[in-house]
Protein backbone atom coordinates (compact mmCIF):
# COMPACT_ATOMS: atom_id res chain seq x y z
CA MET A 1 -13.34 -3.12 -22.23
CA THR A 2 -14.27 -5.95 -19.88
CA ASN A 3 -15.18 -5.63 -16.20
CA ALA A 4 -11.80 -7.19 -15.38
CA ASP A 5 -10.06 -4.49 -17.45
CA ILE A 6 -12.00 -1.78 -15.62
CA VAL A 7 -11.06 -3.21 -12.22
CA GLY A 8 -7.45 -3.62 -13.35
CA MET A 9 -7.30 -0.05 -14.63
CA ALA A 10 -8.83 1.31 -11.41
CA ALA A 11 -6.29 -0.66 -9.34
CA ALA A 12 -3.47 0.55 -11.58
CA ILE A 13 -4.52 4.18 -11.31
CA LEU A 14 -4.95 4.10 -7.53
CA THR A 15 -1.71 2.28 -6.74
CA THR A 16 0.28 4.41 -9.18
CA ILE A 17 -1.11 7.69 -7.89
CA SER A 18 -0.26 6.61 -4.34
CA PHE A 19 3.47 7.01 -5.12
CA ALA A 20 3.19 10.56 -6.44
CA PRO A 21 3.06 12.30 -3.02
CA GLN A 22 6.20 10.48 -1.84
CA ALA A 23 8.09 11.29 -5.03
CA ILE A 24 7.01 14.94 -4.87
CA ARG A 25 8.04 15.18 -1.21
CA VAL A 26 11.47 13.67 -1.90
CA ILE A 27 12.00 16.07 -4.81
CA ARG A 28 10.87 19.12 -2.81
CA THR A 29 12.63 18.35 0.47
CA ASP A 30 15.56 16.26 -0.74
CA ASP A 31 14.95 14.15 2.40
CA THR A 32 15.13 10.36 2.22
CA ALA A 33 16.19 9.63 5.80
CA ALA A 34 13.03 7.68 6.65
CA ILE A 35 13.08 5.64 3.44
CA SER A 36 14.53 2.13 3.36
CA LEU A 37 17.09 1.59 0.59
CA THR A 38 16.61 -2.18 0.69
CA MET A 39 12.84 -1.85 0.40
CA TYR A 40 13.04 0.45 -2.61
CA VAL A 41 15.63 -1.70 -4.40
CA LEU A 42 13.44 -4.76 -3.94
CA PHE A 43 10.33 -2.78 -4.86
CA VAL A 44 11.79 -1.51 -8.16
CA ILE A 45 12.97 -5.03 -9.04
CA GLY A 46 9.46 -6.30 -8.25
CA LEU A 47 7.94 -3.60 -10.43
CA ALA A 48 10.24 -4.60 -13.27
CA CYS A 49 9.03 -8.19 -12.88
CA TRP A 50 5.40 -7.01 -12.95
CA GLU A 51 6.20 -4.98 -16.09
CA LEU A 52 7.67 -8.05 -17.77
CA TYR A 53 4.62 -10.06 -16.71
CA GLY A 54 2.28 -7.40 -18.12
CA LEU A 55 4.16 -7.47 -21.41
CA MET A 56 4.01 -11.27 -21.51
CA ILE A 57 0.24 -11.36 -20.98
CA HIS A 58 -0.43 -8.21 -23.04
CA SER A 59 -2.23 -6.43 -20.18
CA ALA A 60 -2.47 -2.67 -20.74
CA PRO A 61 -3.38 -1.86 -17.10
CA VAL A 62 -0.37 -3.80 -15.77
CA ILE A 63 2.01 -2.36 -18.39
CA ILE A 64 0.93 1.28 -18.01
CA ALA A 65 0.75 1.23 -14.22
CA ASN A 66 4.17 -0.32 -13.84
CA ILE A 67 5.87 2.02 -16.30
CA ILE A 68 4.60 5.02 -14.33
CA THR A 69 5.24 3.47 -10.91
CA ILE A 70 8.77 2.43 -11.93
CA ALA A 71 9.46 6.04 -12.94
CA LEU A 72 8.17 7.42 -9.63
CA ALA A 73 9.91 4.77 -7.51
CA THR A 74 13.16 5.28 -9.43
CA VAL A 75 13.12 8.99 -8.58
CA ILE A 76 12.86 8.09 -4.90
CA LEU A 77 15.43 5.29 -5.16
CA SER A 78 17.97 7.44 -7.00
CA GLN A 79 17.67 10.17 -4.36
CA LYS A 80 18.10 7.59 -1.59
CA ILE A 81 21.19 6.11 -3.27
CA LYS A 82 22.63 9.62 -3.69
CA HIS A 83 22.13 10.33 0.02
CA VAL A 84 23.64 7.00 1.07
CA MET A 85 26.70 7.65 -1.08
CA ILE A 86 27.11 11.18 0.32
CA GLY A 87 26.84 9.79 3.86
CA ARG A 88 29.48 7.16 3.16
CA ARG A 89 31.85 9.76 1.71
CA ARG A 90 31.38 11.97 4.76
CA ASN A 91 32.05 9.06 7.11
CA SER A 92 35.20 8.05 5.22
CA LEU A 93 36.57 11.61 5.42
CA GLN A 94 36.17 11.78 9.19
């Protein structure tokens, strides 16, 4: 493993772990009011692009980090979409 791989793996681990507390909080509280739908949609698309890039350059740190981060961000995004849809249904019934 090269020094670049070690730095890449450290960056991947730190940035991926940073999403765990938010995902856990959303799962536990079912609260996404302070989360931007637009930001998370763009973020997940960006992660998918990074994943494709990692696959194209055969970079294990990029591939692994983005698979895990996509999973965590998708949990948050799916909860946010669910709450937006529930809010729209409530507003249309009023």
